[in-house]
Structure formats: C-alpha cells, structure tokens
C-alpha cells in the first residue's frame, strides 16, 4: 500500500496513522492512553483507525488551535 493516503483509504494502521498525522508513534500512543484520540477497531487482531474519525479529530484540534492560539 502506498504511503500516499487518498479518499479511497478507510482504515489506517499505526505506521500510516503516524505518517498521516505527522505525529510520532509515541505521541499517538500517549494520546490513546489518555483517551484523547479516536478509538481503534480490531480486525483479525490488527489494530486500525478509521480515517474519517482521524480527520474529524484533526479538524477539531486544528480549529481549537487556530481559534484559541
């Protein structure tokens, strides 16, 4: 799978998630541990995140930063 994510991608694994958000895996794991990141789903034991949930989370946090500095 290409590292270039487009609208066809629905689920992301941790490496893709890190590349997509430009956040380190360690930082993402801390957000997940603190329940400040969308829940993952598990398909056949593989942890994944829905791109739409990640996009919503990013929009929320980007807007929060823009409006509150």
PDB file of N, CA and C in Angstrom:
ATOM      1  N   UNK A   1       0.841  -1.182   0.000  1.00  0.00           N
ATOM      2  CA  UNK A   1       0.000   0.000   0.000  1.00  0.00           C
ATOM      3  C   UNK A   1       0.880   1.238   0.000  1.00  0.00           C
ATOM      4  N   UNK A   2       0.537   2.198  -0.762  1.00  0.00           N
ATOM      5  CA  UNK A   2       1.294   3.435  -0.867  1.00  0.00           C
ATOM      6  C   UNK A   2       1.179   4.247   0.414  1.00  0.00           C
ATOM      7  N   UNK A   3       2.239   4.974   0.750  1.00  0.00           N
ATOM      8  CA  UNK A   3       2.194   5.861   1.913  1.00  0.00           C
ATOM      9  C   UNK A   3       1.326   7.078   1.636  1.00  0.00           C
ATOM     10  N   UNK A   4       1.017   7.314   0.372  1.00  0.00           N
ATOM     11  CA  UNK A   4       0.171   8.426  -0.016  1.00  0.00           C
ATOM     12  C   UNK A   4      -1.282   8.045   0.229  1.00  0.00           C
ATOM     13  N   UNK A   5      -1.921   8.672   1.223  1.00  0.00           N
ATOM     14  CA  UNK A   5      -3.299   8.324   1.538  1.00  0.00           C
ATOM     15  C   UNK A   5      -4.241   9.196   0.733  1.00  0.00           C
ATOM     16  N   UNK A   6      -5.251   8.574   0.170  1.00  0.00           N
ATOM     17  CA  UNK A   6      -6.235   9.325  -0.580  1.00  0.00           C
ATOM     18  C   UNK A   6      -7.623   8.995  -0.049  1.00  0.00           C
ATOM     19  N   UNK A   7      -8.641   9.462  -0.745  1.00  0.00           N
ATOM     20  CA  UNK A   7     -10.008   9.265  -0.274  1.00  0.00           C
ATOM     21  C   UNK A   7     -10.443   7.809  -0.289  1.00  0.00           C
ATOM     22  N   UNK A   8      -9.728   6.934  -0.985  1.00  0.00           N
ATOM     23  CA  UNK A   8     -10.093   5.523  -1.042  1.00  0.00           C
ATOM     24  C   UNK A   8      -9.708   4.786   0.242  1.00  0.00           C
ATOM     25  N   UNK A   9      -8.750   5.317   0.977  1.00  0.00           N
ATOM     26  CA  UNK A   9      -8.291   4.671   2.204  1.00  0.00           C
ATOM     27  C   UNK A   9      -9.330   4.889   3.298  1.00  0.00           C
ATOM     28  N   UNK A  10      -9.720   3.811   3.934  1.00  0.00           N
ATOM     29  CA  UNK A  10     -10.704   3.908   5.001  1.00  0.00           C
ATOM     30  C   UNK A  10     -10.107   3.597   6.371  1.00  0.00           C
ATOM     31  N   UNK A  11      -9.178   2.651   6.406  1.00  0.00           N
ATOM     32  CA  UNK A  11      -8.566   2.239   7.668  1.00  0.00           C
ATOM     33  C   UNK A  11      -7.064   2.441   7.611  1.00  0.00           C
ATOM     34  N   UNK A  12      -6.486   2.827   8.750  1.00  0.00           N
ATOM     35  CA  UNK A  12      -5.042   3.044   8.834  1.00  0.00           C
ATOM     36  C   UNK A  12      -4.468   2.262   9.994  1.00  0.00           C
ATOM     37  N   UNK A  13      -3.307   1.679   9.766  1.00  0.00           N
ATOM     38  CA  UNK A  13      -2.549   1.060  10.845  1.00  0.00           C
ATOM     39  C   UNK A  13      -1.648   2.125  11.450  1.00  0.00           C
ATOM     40  N   UNK A  14      -0.952   1.808  12.527  1.00  0.00           N
ATOM     41  CA  UNK A  14      -0.189   2.810  13.279  1.00  0.00           C
ATOM     42  C   UNK A  14       0.839   3.538  12.410  1.00  0.00           C
ATOM     43  N   UNK A  15       1.577   2.829  11.588  1.00  0.00           N
ATOM     44  CA  UNK A  15       2.594   3.489  10.759  1.00  0.00           C
ATOM     45  C   UNK A  15       1.949   4.497   9.811  1.00  0.00           C
ATOM     46  N   UNK A  16       0.845   4.102   9.188  1.00  0.00           N
ATOM     47  CA  UNK A  16       0.129   5.022   8.299  1.00  0.00           C
ATOM     48  C   UNK A  16      -0.430   6.199   9.084  1.00  0.00           C
ATOM     49  N   UNK A  17      -0.958   5.913  10.264  1.00  0.00           N
ATOM     50  CA  UNK A  17      -1.529   6.948  11.122  1.00  0.00           C
ATOM     51  C   UNK A  17      -0.475   7.977  11.504  1.00  0.00           C
ATOM     52  N   UNK A  18       0.693   7.510  11.865  1.00  0.00           N
ATOM     53  CA  UNK A  18       1.792   8.397  12.224  1.00  0.00           C
ATOM     54  C   UNK A  18       2.209   9.262  11.027  1.00  0.00           C
ATOM     55  N   UNK A  19       2.331   8.641   9.866  1.00  0.00           N
ATOM     56  CA  UNK A  19       2.685   9.405   8.665  1.00  0.00           C
ATOM     57  C   UNK A  19       1.602  10.404   8.300  1.00  0.00           C
ATOM     58  N   UNK A  20       0.355   9.998   8.394  1.00  0.00           N
ATOM     59  CA  UNK A  20      -0.776  10.841   8.002  1.00  0.00           C
ATOM     60  C   UNK A  20      -0.923  12.061   8.905  1.00  0.00           C
ATOM     61  N   UNK A  21      -0.741  11.861  10.218  1.00  0.00           N
ATOM     62  CA  UNK A  21      -0.923  12.960  11.173  1.00  0.00           C
ATOM     63  C   UNK A  21       0.357  13.754  11.419  1.00  0.00           C
ATOM     64  N   UNK A  22       1.484  13.218  10.991  1.00  0.00           N
ATOM     65  CA  UNK A  22       2.805  13.804  11.278  1.00  0.00           C
ATOM     66  C   UNK A  22       3.104  13.822  12.775  1.00  0.00           C
ATOM     67  N   UNK A  23       2.477  12.915  13.510  1.00  0.00           N
ATOM     68  CA  UNK A  23       2.736  12.764  14.940  1.00  0.00           C
ATOM     69  C   UNK A  23       3.516  11.474  15.148  1.00  0.00           C
ATOM     70  N   UNK A  24       4.437  11.491  16.106  1.00  0.00           N
ATOM     71  CA  UNK A  24       5.228  10.287  16.361  1.00  0.00           C
ATOM     72  C   UNK A  24       4.338   9.183  16.936  1.00  0.00           C
ATOM     73  N   UNK A  25       4.781   7.959  16.766  1.00  0.00           N
ATOM     74  CA  UNK A  25       4.032   6.844  17.333  1.00  0.00           C
ATOM     75  C   UNK A  25       3.934   6.967  18.850  1.00  0.00           C
ATOM     76  N   UNK A  26       5.014   7.383  19.488  1.00  0.00           N
ATOM     77  CA  UNK A  26       5.000   7.534  20.948  1.00  0.00           C
ATOM     78  C   UNK A  26       3.958   8.555  21.383  1.00  0.00           C
ATOM     79  N   UNK A  27       3.894   9.673  20.662  1.00  0.00           N
ATOM     80  CA  UNK A  27       2.914  10.710  20.999  1.00  0.00           C
ATOM     81  C   UNK A  27       1.495  10.193  20.785  1.00  0.00           C
ATOM     82  N   UNK A  28       1.279   9.482  19.675  1.00  0.00           N
ATOM     83  CA  UNK A  28      -0.043   8.910  19.423  1.00  0.00           C
ATOM     84  C   UNK A  28      -0.426   7.913  20.507  1.00  0.00           C
ATOM     85  N   UNK A  29       0.511   7.057  20.920  1.00  0.00           N
ATOM     86  CA  UNK A  29       0.210   6.092  21.976  1.00  0.00           C
ATOM     87  C   UNK A  29      -0.152   6.809  23.280  1.00  0.00           C
ATOM     88  N   UNK A  30       0.502   7.926  23.581  1.00  0.00           N
ATOM     89  CA  UNK A  30       0.144   8.698  24.774  1.00  0.00           C
ATOM     90  C   UNK A  30      -1.264   9.276  24.658  1.00  0.00           C
ATOM     91  N   UNK A  31      -1.614   9.801  23.483  1.00  0.00           N
ATOM     92  CA  UNK A  31      -2.969  10.317  23.272  1.00  0.00           C
ATOM     93  C   UNK A  31      -3.998   9.196  23.452  1.00  0.00           C
ATOM     94  N   UNK A  32      -3.691   8.041  22.911  1.00  0.00           N
ATOM     95  CA  UNK A  32      -4.598   6.894  23.016  1.00  0.00           C
ATOM     96  C   UNK A  32      -4.740   6.466  24.474  1.00  0.00           C
ATOM     97  N   UNK A  33      -3.621   6.401  25.183  1.00  0.00           N
ATOM     98  CA  UNK A  33      -3.628   6.010  26.601  1.00  0.00           C
ATOM     99  C   UNK A  33      -4.459   6.983  27.425  1.00  0.00           C
ATOM    100  N   UNK A  34      -4.381   8.281  27.074  1.00  0.00           N
ATOM    101  CA  UNK A  34      -5.113   9.321  27.806  1.00  0.00           C
ATOM    102  C   UNK A  34      -6.541   9.509  27.289  1.00  0.00           C
ATOM    103  N   UNK A  35      -6.980   8.626  26.401  1.00  0.00           N
ATOM    104  CA  UNK A  35      -8.322   8.683  25.800  1.00  0.00           C
ATOM    105  C   UNK A  35      -8.589  10.001  25.092  1.00  0.00           C
ATOM    106  N   UNK A  36      -7.554  10.555  24.468  1.00  0.00           N
ATOM    107  CA  UNK A  36      -7.688  11.813  23.736  1.00  0.00           C
ATOM    108  C   UNK A  36      -7.491  11.593  22.237  1.00  0.00           C
ATOM    109  N   UNK A  37      -7.871  10.411  21.772  1.00  0.00           N
ATOM    110  CA  UNK A  37      -7.739  10.086  20.354  1.00  0.00           C
ATOM    111  C   UNK A  37      -8.861   9.122  20.012  1.00  0.00           C
ATOM    112  N   UNK A  38      -9.326   9.126  18.775  1.00  0.00           N
ATOM    113  CA  UNK A  38     -10.419   8.213  18.406  1.00  0.00           C
ATOM    114  C   UNK A  38     -10.080   6.752  18.722  1.00  0.00           C
ATOM    115  N   UNK A  39     -11.112   6.008  19.066  1.00  0.00           N
ATOM    116  CA  UNK A  39     -10.935   4.587  19.359  1.00  0.00           C
ATOM    117  C   UNK A  39     -10.525   3.829  18.108  1.00  0.00           C
ATOM    118  N   UNK A  40      -9.726   2.829  18.318  1.00  0.00           N
ATOM    119  CA  UNK A  40      -9.335   1.958  17.211  1.00  0.00           C
ATOM    120  C   UNK A  40     -10.354   0.830  17.090  1.00  0.00           C
ATOM    121  N   UNK A  41     -10.275   0.141  15.976  1.00  0.00           N
ATOM    122  CA  UNK A  41     -11.041  -1.079  15.806  1.00  0.00           C
ATOM    123  C   UNK A  41     -10.037  -2.204  15.598  1.00  0.00           C
ATOM    124  N   UNK A  42     -10.479  -3.409  15.792  1.00  0.00           N
ATOM    125  CA  UNK A  42      -9.600  -4.551  15.612  1.00  0.00           C
ATOM    126  C   UNK A  42     -10.210  -5.477  14.571  1.00  0.00           C
ATOM    127  N   UNK A  43      -9.446  -5.734  13.530  1.00  0.00           N
ATOM    128  CA  UNK A  43      -9.862  -6.677  12.501  1.00  0.00           C
ATOM    129  C   UNK A  43      -8.866  -7.825  12.489  1.00  0.00           C
ATOM    130  N   UNK A  44      -9.341  -8.988  12.871  1.00  0.00           N
ATOM    131  CA  UNK A  44      -8.478 -10.172  12.947  1.00  0.00           C
ATOM    132  C   UNK A  44      -7.227  -9.909  13.777  1.00  0.00           C
ATOM    133  N   UNK A  45      -7.402  -9.171  14.873  1.00  0.00           N
ATOM    134  CA  UNK A  45      -6.302  -8.887  15.780  1.00  0.00           C
ATOM    135  C   UNK A  45      -5.404  -7.743  15.361  1.00  0.00           C
ATOM    136  N   UNK A  46      -5.734  -7.062  14.273  1.00  0.00           N
ATOM    137  CA  UNK A  46      -4.922  -5.936  13.803  1.00  0.00           C
ATOM    138  C   UNK A  46      -5.620  -4.641  14.190  1.00  0.00           C
ATOM    139  N   UNK A  47      -4.905  -3.804  14.914  1.00  0.00           N
ATOM    140  CA  UNK A  47      -5.448  -2.535  15.390  1.00  0.00           C
ATOM    141  C   UNK A  47      -5.409  -1.505  14.269  1.00  0.00           C
ATOM    142  N   UNK A  48      -6.571  -0.868  14.016  1.00  0.00           N
ATOM    143  CA  UNK A  48      -6.672   0.119  12.951  1.00  0.00           C
ATOM    144  C   UNK A  48      -7.572   1.266  13.378  1.00  0.00           C
ATOM    145  N   UNK A  49      -7.396   2.395  12.688  1.00  0.00           N
ATOM    146  CA  UNK A  49      -8.215   3.575  12.939  1.00  0.00           C
ATOM    147  C   UNK A  49      -8.936   3.959  11.666  1.00  0.00           C
ATOM    148  N   UNK A  50     -10.181   4.398  11.817  1.00  0.00           N
ATOM    149  CA  UNK A  50     -10.936   4.849  10.657  1.00  0.00           C
ATOM    150  C   UNK A  50     -10.475   6.253  10.278  1.00  0.00           C
ATOM    151  N   UNK A  51     -10.155   6.432   9.015  1.00  0.00           N
ATOM    152  CA  UNK A  51      -9.650   7.716   8.522  1.00  0.00           C
ATOM    153  C   UNK A  51     -10.638   8.841   8.807  1.00  0.00           C
ATOM    154  N   UNK A  52     -11.919   8.578   8.664  1.00  0.00           N
ATOM    155  CA  UNK A  52     -12.918   9.622   8.903  1.00  0.00           C
ATOM    156  C   UNK A  52     -12.883  10.091  10.362  1.00  0.00           C
ATOM    157  N   UNK A  53     -12.675   9.161  11.305  1.00  0.00           N
ATOM    158  CA  UNK A  53     -12.563   9.539  12.725  1.00  0.00           C
ATOM    159  C   UNK A  53     -11.303  10.365  12.969  1.00  0.00           C
ATOM    160  N   UNK A  54     -10.212   9.969  12.339  1.00  0.00           N
ATOM    161  CA  UNK A  54      -8.951  10.702  12.482  1.00  0.00           C
ATOM    162  C   UNK A  54      -9.087  12.101  11.883  1.00  0.00           C
ATOM    163  N   UNK A  55      -9.719  12.200  10.712  1.00  0.00           N
ATOM    164  CA  UNK A  55      -9.927  13.504  10.083  1.00  0.00           C
ATOM    165  C   UNK A  55     -10.773  14.427  10.973  1.00  0.00           C
ATOM    166  N   UNK A  56     -11.809  13.885  11.575  1.00  0.00           N
ATOM    167  CA  UNK A  56     -12.651  14.672  12.486  1.00  0.00           C
ATOM    168  C   UNK A  56     -11.852  15.149  13.695  1.00  0.00           C
ATOM    169  N   UNK A  57     -11.038  14.252  14.241  1.00  0.00           N
ATOM    170  CA  UNK A  57     -10.209  14.607  15.393  1.00  0.00           C
ATOM    171  C   UNK A  57      -9.218  15.712  15.016  1.00  0.00           C
ATOM    172  N   UNK A  58      -8.585  15.570  13.845  1.00  0.00           N
ATOM    173  CA  UNK A  58      -7.639  16.587  13.380  1.00  0.00           C
ATOM    174  C   UNK A  58      -8.336  17.931  13.182  1.00  0.00           C
ATOM    175  N   UNK A  59      -9.492  17.918  12.532  1.00  0.00           N
ATOM    176  CA  UNK A  59     -10.244  19.163  12.314  1.00  0.00           C
ATOM    177  C   UNK A  59     -10.573  19.843  13.631  1.00  0.00           C
ATOM    178  N   UNK A  60     -11.021  19.069  14.594  1.00  0.00           N
ATOM    179  CA  UNK A  60     -11.376  19.608  15.915  1.00  0.00           C
ATOM    180  C   UNK A  60     -10.163  20.260  16.583  1.00  0.00           C
ATOM    181  N   UNK A  61      -9.031  19.579  16.547  1.00  0.00           N
ATOM    182  CA  UNK A  61      -7.845  20.092  17.218  1.00  0.00           C
ATOM    183  C   UNK A  61      -7.180  21.233  16.445  1.00  0.00           C
ATOM    184  N   UNK A  62      -7.248  21.201  15.134  1.00  0.00           N
ATOM    185  CA  UNK A  62      -6.704  22.307  14.343  1.00  0.00           C
ATOM    186  C   UNK A  62      -7.540  23.559  14.566  1.00  0.00           C
ATOM    187  N   UNK A  63      -8.870  23.421  14.536  1.00  0.00           N
ATOM    188  CA  UNK A  63      -9.751  24.572  14.765  1.00  0.00           C
ATOM    189  C   UNK A  63      -9.557  25.131  16.164  1.00  0.00           C
ATOM    190  N   UNK A  64      -9.371  24.254  17.133  1.00  0.00           N
ATOM    191  CA  UNK A  64      -9.159  24.668  18.525  1.00  0.00           C
ATOM    192  C   UNK A  64      -7.885  25.508  18.631  1.00  0.00           C
ATOM    193  N   UNK A  65      -6.814  25.076  17.972  1.00  0.00           N
ATOM    194  CA  UNK A  65      -5.547  25.806  17.993  1.00  0.00           C
ATOM    195  C   UNK A  65      -5.654  27.143  17.269  1.00  0.00           C
ATOM    196  N   UNK A  66      -6.341  27.156  16.145  1.00  0.00           N
ATOM    197  CA  UNK A  66      -6.473  28.375  15.351  1.00  0.00           C
ATOM    198  C   UNK A  66      -7.261  29.432  16.115  1.00  0.00           C
ATOM    199  N   UNK A  67      -8.334  29.004  16.792  1.00  0.00           N
ATOM    200  CA  UNK A  67      -9.203  29.952  17.470  1.00  0.00           C
ATOM    201  C   UNK A  67      -8.763  30.296  18.896  1.00  0.00           C
ATOM    202  N   UNK A  68      -7.935  29.463  19.482  1.00  0.00           N
ATOM    203  CA  UNK A  68      -7.509  29.704  20.861  1.00  0.00           C
ATOM    204  C   UNK A  68      -6.003  29.846  21.016  1.00  0.00           C
ATOM    205  N   UNK A  69      -5.305  29.885  19.901  1.00  0.00           N
ATOM    206  CA  UNK A  69      -3.874  30.132  19.920  1.00  0.00           C
ATOM    207  C   UNK A  69      -3.091  29.026  20.432  1.00  0.00           C
TER     208      UNK A  69
END
